[in-house]
Amino acid sequence: MEVRCGTDIVDISRFIKIVEKQDSSFISKCFTDAEISYCDSARDTKIKAERYAARFAAKEAVGKALGTGLLSEGVGMHDIEVIKDEKGAPQVRLTGGALSHAEKQNVASVSISLSHDGGMACAYCVMLLEN
C-alpha cells in the first residue's frame, strides 16, 4: 500500500468577493451543480464563501495527491467533486480525467478533510494506492 497526500489553503476573502459579485461564470467553471446548490443554500455571504473556498481547496488537494494538479493531464475542476456522506462528512467523487488517473494508479480510497478559520479555508486529502 502506498499513501499519497495533498493539501491546499485558500483566502476566503477572494470567495467573498466572488459571491458578492455573483460571478456565476467563475462558479460554474469551478464547481458542479450539486456543489453550487450546497454552497448557495447558505443565506449568509460569509458562510457561502467559506463553503466555496473549502471546496476549491479540496479540488487542489486532490489534484496534488493524484500527482496531476488541476487543469492539466486531462483533470478538470468538475472531475473532482466534494459531496457529503449520510452523516454530513465530506467525501470526494472522481469522474472524467481524475477518475482515469486514479484508476491507472490503483487508488483504493480517497479521504478528505475540510476546515476554515481566521479567514482561511484548507483541505487535506489522503489517498491509498494498492500495489
N, C-alpha and C. Protein backbone atom coordinates (compact mmCIF):
# COMPACT_ATOMS: atom_id res chain seq x y z
N MET A 1 0.84 -1.17 0.00
CA MET A 1 0.00 0.00 0.00
C MET A 1 0.89 1.24 0.00
N GLU A 2 0.57 2.18 -0.83
CA GLU A 2 1.26 3.47 -0.87
C GLU A 2 0.28 4.54 -0.40
N VAL A 3 0.79 5.52 0.33
CA VAL A 3 -0.04 6.63 0.80
C VAL A 3 0.42 7.91 0.10
N ARG A 4 -0.53 8.65 -0.41
CA ARG A 4 -0.25 9.95 -1.01
C ARG A 4 -1.10 10.99 -0.31
N CYS A 5 -0.58 12.19 -0.22
CA CYS A 5 -1.38 13.26 0.38
C CYS A 5 -1.24 14.54 -0.43
N GLY A 6 -2.21 15.40 -0.24
CA GLY A 6 -2.20 16.72 -0.85
C GLY A 6 -2.91 17.67 0.08
N THR A 7 -2.48 18.91 0.08
CA THR A 7 -3.12 19.92 0.93
C THR A 7 -3.18 21.24 0.19
N ASP A 8 -4.10 22.08 0.59
CA ASP A 8 -4.19 23.41 -0.01
C ASP A 8 -4.87 24.35 0.99
N ILE A 9 -4.55 25.62 0.88
CA ILE A 9 -5.14 26.65 1.74
C ILE A 9 -5.55 27.82 0.85
N VAL A 10 -6.72 28.40 1.15
CA VAL A 10 -7.30 29.44 0.31
C VAL A 10 -7.77 30.59 1.18
N ASP A 11 -7.56 31.80 0.71
CA ASP A 11 -8.05 33.00 1.39
C ASP A 11 -9.54 33.17 1.11
N ILE A 12 -10.35 33.12 2.13
CA ILE A 12 -11.80 33.19 1.98
C ILE A 12 -12.24 34.53 1.41
N SER A 13 -11.49 35.59 1.64
CA SER A 13 -11.89 36.91 1.14
C SER A 13 -12.01 36.93 -0.38
N ARG A 14 -11.22 36.13 -1.07
CA ARG A 14 -11.35 36.01 -2.54
C ARG A 14 -12.74 35.52 -2.90
N PHE A 15 -13.24 34.56 -2.14
CA PHE A 15 -14.54 33.98 -2.43
C PHE A 15 -15.69 34.87 -1.95
N ILE A 16 -15.46 35.68 -0.93
CA ILE A 16 -16.48 36.66 -0.53
C ILE A 16 -16.72 37.62 -1.69
N LYS A 17 -15.65 38.08 -2.33
CA LYS A 17 -15.79 38.99 -3.48
C LYS A 17 -16.53 38.32 -4.63
N ILE A 18 -16.23 37.06 -4.88
CA ILE A 18 -16.89 36.32 -5.96
C ILE A 18 -18.37 36.15 -5.66
N VAL A 19 -18.70 35.81 -4.42
CA VAL A 19 -20.11 35.62 -4.04
C VAL A 19 -20.86 36.95 -4.10
N GLU A 20 -20.23 38.02 -3.61
CA GLU A 20 -20.88 39.33 -3.62
C GLU A 20 -21.12 39.83 -5.04
N LYS A 21 -20.17 39.56 -5.94
CA LYS A 21 -20.33 39.97 -7.34
C LYS A 21 -21.27 39.05 -8.10
N GLN A 22 -21.61 37.92 -7.47
CA GLN A 22 -22.42 36.89 -8.12
C GLN A 22 -21.78 36.49 -9.45
N ASP A 23 -20.48 36.19 -9.38
CA ASP A 23 -19.69 35.81 -10.56
C ASP A 23 -20.01 34.37 -10.94
N SER A 24 -21.12 34.19 -11.61
CA SER A 24 -21.58 32.84 -11.94
C SER A 24 -20.67 32.15 -12.96
N SER A 25 -19.94 32.91 -13.79
CA SER A 25 -19.05 32.26 -14.76
C SER A 25 -17.90 31.55 -14.05
N PHE A 26 -17.30 32.20 -13.06
CA PHE A 26 -16.23 31.55 -12.29
C PHE A 26 -16.78 30.35 -11.53
N ILE A 27 -17.90 30.56 -10.87
CA ILE A 27 -18.51 29.50 -10.06
C ILE A 27 -18.83 28.29 -10.93
N SER A 28 -19.46 28.50 -12.07
CA SER A 28 -19.85 27.35 -12.91
C SER A 28 -18.65 26.66 -13.55
N LYS A 29 -17.54 27.37 -13.74
CA LYS A 29 -16.33 26.74 -14.27
C LYS A 29 -15.65 25.85 -13.24
N CYS A 30 -15.78 26.22 -11.97
CA CYS A 30 -15.05 25.53 -10.91
C CYS A 30 -15.84 24.46 -10.17
N PHE A 31 -17.16 24.61 -10.12
CA PHE A 31 -17.96 23.77 -9.24
C PHE A 31 -19.09 23.08 -9.99
N THR A 32 -19.44 21.89 -9.52
CA THR A 32 -20.55 21.15 -10.11
C THR A 32 -21.87 21.75 -9.64
N ASP A 33 -22.95 21.37 -10.31
CA ASP A 33 -24.28 21.87 -9.92
C ASP A 33 -24.60 21.52 -8.48
N ALA A 34 -24.23 20.30 -8.05
CA ALA A 34 -24.51 19.88 -6.67
C ALA A 34 -23.70 20.72 -5.67
N GLU A 35 -22.44 21.01 -5.99
CA GLU A 35 -21.62 21.84 -5.10
C GLU A 35 -22.19 23.26 -5.01
N ILE A 36 -22.60 23.79 -6.15
CA ILE A 36 -23.19 25.14 -6.17
C ILE A 36 -24.46 25.17 -5.34
N SER A 37 -25.30 24.16 -5.51
CA SER A 37 -26.55 24.08 -4.76
C SER A 37 -26.28 24.06 -3.26
N TYR A 38 -25.31 23.26 -2.83
CA TYR A 38 -24.98 23.18 -1.40
C TYR A 38 -24.43 24.53 -0.91
N CYS A 39 -23.46 25.09 -1.60
CA CYS A 39 -22.85 26.34 -1.15
C CYS A 39 -23.87 27.47 -1.11
N ASP A 40 -24.71 27.55 -2.13
CA ASP A 40 -25.69 28.63 -2.20
C ASP A 40 -26.88 28.42 -1.27
N SER A 41 -26.98 27.26 -0.64
CA SER A 41 -28.08 27.03 0.30
C SER A 41 -27.89 27.83 1.59
N ALA A 42 -26.68 28.31 1.83
CA ALA A 42 -26.43 29.18 2.99
C ALA A 42 -26.94 30.58 2.66
N ARG A 43 -27.58 31.20 3.60
CA ARG A 43 -28.10 32.55 3.38
C ARG A 43 -27.02 33.62 3.55
N ASP A 44 -26.11 33.36 4.46
CA ASP A 44 -25.06 34.32 4.80
C ASP A 44 -23.92 34.27 3.78
N THR A 45 -23.51 35.43 3.30
CA THR A 45 -22.44 35.53 2.30
C THR A 45 -21.14 34.90 2.79
N LYS A 46 -20.80 35.13 4.04
CA LYS A 46 -19.55 34.58 4.59
C LYS A 46 -19.58 33.06 4.60
N ILE A 47 -20.70 32.48 4.98
CA ILE A 47 -20.80 31.02 5.01
C ILE A 47 -20.72 30.45 3.59
N LYS A 48 -21.40 31.08 2.63
CA LYS A 48 -21.30 30.66 1.23
C LYS A 48 -19.84 30.68 0.78
N ALA A 49 -19.16 31.78 1.08
CA ALA A 49 -17.76 31.93 0.67
C ALA A 49 -16.88 30.87 1.33
N GLU A 50 -17.11 30.58 2.61
CA GLU A 50 -16.34 29.54 3.30
C GLU A 50 -16.54 28.19 2.62
N ARG A 51 -17.78 27.89 2.26
CA ARG A 51 -18.08 26.61 1.60
C ARG A 51 -17.39 26.51 0.24
N TYR A 52 -17.49 27.57 -0.55
CA TYR A 52 -16.81 27.57 -1.86
C TYR A 52 -15.30 27.46 -1.70
N ALA A 53 -14.74 28.23 -0.77
CA ALA A 53 -13.28 28.23 -0.58
C ALA A 53 -12.78 26.85 -0.14
N ALA A 54 -13.49 26.22 0.78
CA ALA A 54 -13.08 24.89 1.24
C ALA A 54 -13.14 23.87 0.11
N ARG A 55 -14.16 23.95 -0.73
CA ARG A 55 -14.29 23.02 -1.85
C ARG A 55 -13.23 23.28 -2.92
N PHE A 56 -12.89 24.54 -3.13
CA PHE A 56 -11.82 24.86 -4.06
C PHE A 56 -10.50 24.29 -3.55
N ALA A 57 -10.23 24.47 -2.26
CA ALA A 57 -9.01 23.92 -1.66
C ALA A 57 -9.00 22.40 -1.77
N ALA A 58 -10.17 21.77 -1.62
CA ALA A 58 -10.25 20.32 -1.73
C ALA A 58 -9.87 19.84 -3.12
N LYS A 59 -10.36 20.54 -4.13
CA LYS A 59 -10.03 20.16 -5.51
C LYS A 59 -8.52 20.25 -5.74
N GLU A 60 -7.91 21.30 -5.22
CA GLU A 60 -6.45 21.46 -5.33
C GLU A 60 -5.72 20.34 -4.57
N ALA A 61 -6.18 20.03 -3.38
CA ALA A 61 -5.54 19.00 -2.57
C ALA A 61 -5.62 17.63 -3.25
N VAL A 62 -6.77 17.32 -3.81
CA VAL A 62 -6.94 16.04 -4.51
C VAL A 62 -6.05 15.99 -5.74
N GLY A 63 -5.99 17.09 -6.49
CA GLY A 63 -5.11 17.14 -7.66
C GLY A 63 -3.65 16.92 -7.29
N LYS A 64 -3.24 17.48 -6.17
CA LYS A 64 -1.86 17.28 -5.70
C LYS A 64 -1.62 15.83 -5.31
N ALA A 65 -2.59 15.22 -4.62
CA ALA A 65 -2.43 13.82 -4.23
C ALA A 65 -2.40 12.91 -5.45
N LEU A 66 -3.17 13.25 -6.48
CA LEU A 66 -3.15 12.47 -7.72
C LEU A 66 -1.82 12.62 -8.46
N GLY A 67 -1.14 13.73 -8.19
CA GLY A 67 0.12 14.00 -8.89
C GLY A 67 -0.08 14.71 -10.22
N THR A 68 -1.30 15.16 -10.48
CA THR A 68 -1.60 15.83 -11.75
C THR A 68 -1.83 17.32 -11.58
N GLY A 69 -2.24 17.73 -10.40
CA GLY A 69 -2.70 19.09 -10.21
C GLY A 69 -4.05 19.25 -10.88
N LEU A 70 -4.48 20.48 -11.02
CA LEU A 70 -5.75 20.77 -11.69
C LEU A 70 -5.49 21.37 -13.05
N LEU A 71 -6.41 21.16 -13.93
CA LEU A 71 -6.36 21.73 -15.28
C LEU A 71 -5.10 21.32 -16.04
N SER A 72 -4.63 20.12 -15.75
CA SER A 72 -3.51 19.55 -16.50
C SER A 72 -3.72 18.04 -16.60
N GLU A 73 -3.10 17.45 -17.56
CA GLU A 73 -3.17 16.00 -17.76
C GLU A 73 -4.62 15.50 -17.82
N GLY A 74 -5.51 16.36 -18.33
CA GLY A 74 -6.90 15.96 -18.52
C GLY A 74 -7.77 16.01 -17.28
N VAL A 75 -7.27 16.58 -16.19
CA VAL A 75 -8.06 16.68 -14.95
C VAL A 75 -8.67 18.08 -14.88
N GLY A 76 -10.00 18.13 -14.92
CA GLY A 76 -10.71 19.39 -14.85
C GLY A 76 -11.32 19.63 -13.48
N MET A 77 -11.79 20.84 -13.28
CA MET A 77 -12.38 21.22 -11.99
C MET A 77 -13.61 20.38 -11.66
N HIS A 78 -14.40 20.04 -12.67
CA HIS A 78 -15.62 19.26 -12.42
C HIS A 78 -15.34 17.78 -12.21
N ASP A 79 -14.11 17.35 -12.50
CA ASP A 79 -13.73 15.94 -12.33
C ASP A 79 -13.50 15.57 -10.87
N ILE A 80 -13.40 16.56 -10.02
CA ILE A 80 -13.22 16.36 -8.58
C ILE A 80 -14.39 17.08 -7.89
N GLU A 81 -15.27 16.30 -7.29
CA GLU A 81 -16.47 16.87 -6.67
C GLU A 81 -16.50 16.52 -5.19
N VAL A 82 -16.78 17.53 -4.37
CA VAL A 82 -16.94 17.31 -2.94
C VAL A 82 -18.42 17.07 -2.67
N ILE A 83 -18.70 15.91 -2.09
CA ILE A 83 -20.07 15.55 -1.73
C ILE A 83 -20.08 15.27 -0.23
N LYS A 84 -21.26 14.99 0.31
CA LYS A 84 -21.38 14.66 1.73
C LYS A 84 -21.92 13.26 1.86
N ASP A 85 -21.40 12.53 2.86
CA ASP A 85 -21.95 11.20 3.12
C ASP A 85 -23.23 11.33 3.95
N GLU A 86 -23.82 10.21 4.34
CA GLU A 86 -25.09 10.22 5.07
C GLU A 86 -25.00 10.93 6.42
N LYS A 87 -23.80 11.06 6.97
CA LYS A 87 -23.62 11.75 8.25
C LYS A 87 -23.20 13.22 8.07
N GLY A 88 -23.02 13.64 6.82
CA GLY A 88 -22.64 15.02 6.54
C GLY A 88 -21.15 15.24 6.39
N ALA A 89 -20.35 14.17 6.49
CA ALA A 89 -18.90 14.31 6.34
C ALA A 89 -18.55 14.47 4.86
N PRO A 90 -17.54 15.29 4.57
CA PRO A 90 -17.17 15.48 3.17
C PRO A 90 -16.52 14.23 2.58
N GLN A 91 -16.86 13.96 1.35
CA GLN A 91 -16.31 12.85 0.57
C GLN A 91 -15.93 13.39 -0.80
N VAL A 92 -15.17 12.62 -1.55
CA VAL A 92 -14.77 13.03 -2.89
C VAL A 92 -15.33 12.06 -3.91
N ARG A 93 -15.90 12.61 -4.97
CA ARG A 93 -16.33 11.80 -6.12
C ARG A 93 -15.45 12.20 -7.30
N LEU A 94 -14.75 11.21 -7.86
CA LEU A 94 -13.89 11.44 -9.01
C LEU A 94 -14.61 10.99 -10.29
N THR A 95 -14.49 11.80 -11.34
CA THR A 95 -15.03 11.46 -12.65
C THR A 95 -14.02 11.89 -13.71
N GLY A 96 -14.32 11.58 -14.95
CA GLY A 96 -13.50 12.07 -16.06
C GLY A 96 -12.03 11.77 -15.92
N GLY A 97 -11.21 12.79 -16.19
CA GLY A 97 -9.76 12.63 -16.14
C GLY A 97 -9.23 12.27 -14.77
N ALA A 98 -9.84 12.79 -13.72
CA ALA A 98 -9.40 12.47 -12.36
C ALA A 98 -9.62 10.99 -12.06
N LEU A 99 -10.77 10.48 -12.46
CA LEU A 99 -11.06 9.05 -12.24
C LEU A 99 -10.12 8.19 -13.07
N SER A 100 -9.86 8.60 -14.28
CA SER A 100 -8.95 7.84 -15.15
C SER A 100 -7.55 7.75 -14.53
N HIS A 101 -7.04 8.87 -14.03
CA HIS A 101 -5.72 8.86 -13.38
C HIS A 101 -5.74 8.02 -12.11
N ALA A 102 -6.81 8.11 -11.35
CA ALA A 102 -6.92 7.33 -10.11
C ALA A 102 -6.91 5.83 -10.42
N GLU A 103 -7.64 5.44 -11.45
CA GLU A 103 -7.68 4.01 -11.83
C GLU A 103 -6.32 3.53 -12.31
N LYS A 104 -5.61 4.33 -13.09
CA LYS A 104 -4.27 3.95 -13.58
C LYS A 104 -3.28 3.77 -12.43
N GLN A 105 -3.50 4.53 -11.35
CA GLN A 105 -2.59 4.47 -10.21
C GLN A 105 -3.08 3.51 -9.12
N ASN A 106 -4.17 2.79 -9.40
CA ASN A 106 -4.74 1.84 -8.44
C ASN A 106 -5.11 2.49 -7.11
N VAL A 107 -5.77 3.65 -7.19
CA VAL A 107 -6.23 4.32 -5.98
C VAL A 107 -7.35 3.49 -5.37
N ALA A 108 -7.14 3.05 -4.14
CA ALA A 108 -8.12 2.22 -3.44
C ALA A 108 -9.12 3.07 -2.66
N SER A 109 -8.67 4.21 -2.12
CA SER A 109 -9.58 5.08 -1.38
C SER A 109 -9.05 6.51 -1.37
N VAL A 110 -9.99 7.44 -1.22
CA VAL A 110 -9.67 8.86 -1.14
C VAL A 110 -10.42 9.42 0.08
N SER A 111 -9.69 10.07 0.97
CA SER A 111 -10.30 10.72 2.12
C SER A 111 -9.98 12.20 2.08
N ILE A 112 -10.91 12.99 2.58
CA ILE A 112 -10.73 14.44 2.55
C ILE A 112 -11.15 15.03 3.89
N SER A 113 -10.46 16.08 4.29
CA SER A 113 -10.84 16.84 5.47
C SER A 113 -10.84 18.31 5.10
N LEU A 114 -11.89 19.03 5.49
CA LEU A 114 -12.03 20.46 5.19
C LEU A 114 -12.11 21.24 6.48
N SER A 115 -11.58 22.47 6.46
CA SER A 115 -11.67 23.32 7.64
C SER A 115 -11.59 24.79 7.20
N HIS A 116 -12.12 25.66 8.04
CA HIS A 116 -11.96 27.10 7.79
C HIS A 116 -11.97 27.83 9.12
N ASP A 117 -11.06 28.83 9.21
CA ASP A 117 -10.96 29.63 10.42
C ASP A 117 -10.03 30.80 10.11
N GLY A 118 -10.24 31.91 10.76
CA GLY A 118 -9.33 33.04 10.63
C GLY A 118 -9.20 33.58 9.22
N GLY A 119 -10.26 33.47 8.44
CA GLY A 119 -10.24 33.98 7.08
C GLY A 119 -9.60 33.06 6.06
N MET A 120 -9.25 31.86 6.48
CA MET A 120 -8.63 30.89 5.56
C MET A 120 -9.45 29.60 5.56
N ALA A 121 -9.45 28.93 4.41
CA ALA A 121 -10.06 27.61 4.28
C ALA A 121 -8.97 26.65 3.82
N CYS A 122 -8.99 25.44 4.35
CA CYS A 122 -7.97 24.47 3.95
C CYS A 122 -8.61 23.11 3.74
N ALA A 123 -7.88 22.31 3.00
CA ALA A 123 -8.32 20.93 2.75
C ALA A 123 -7.09 20.04 2.76
N TYR A 124 -7.31 18.81 3.20
CA TYR A 124 -6.26 17.81 3.24
C TYR A 124 -6.82 16.53 2.64
N CYS A 125 -6.08 15.93 1.73
CA CYS A 125 -6.50 14.71 1.05
C CYS A 125 -5.48 13.62 1.30
N VAL A 126 -5.99 12.42 1.58
CA VAL A 126 -5.15 11.23 1.71
C VAL A 126 -5.68 10.17 0.75
N MET A 127 -4.79 9.63 -0.06
CA MET A 127 -5.13 8.55 -0.99
C MET A 127 -4.33 7.32 -0.63
N LEU A 128 -5.00 6.17 -0.67
CA LEU A 128 -4.33 4.89 -0.52
C LEU A 128 -4.29 4.23 -1.89
N LEU A 129 -3.08 3.81 -2.31
CA LEU A 129 -2.89 3.16 -3.58
C LEU A 129 -2.49 1.71 -3.34
N GLU A 130 -3.14 0.81 -4.05
CA GLU A 130 -2.77 -0.60 -3.96
C GLU A 130 -1.59 -0.86 -4.86
N ASN A 131 -0.70 -1.73 -4.43
CA ASN A 131 0.47 -2.08 -5.26
C ASN A 131 0.11 -3.08 -6.31
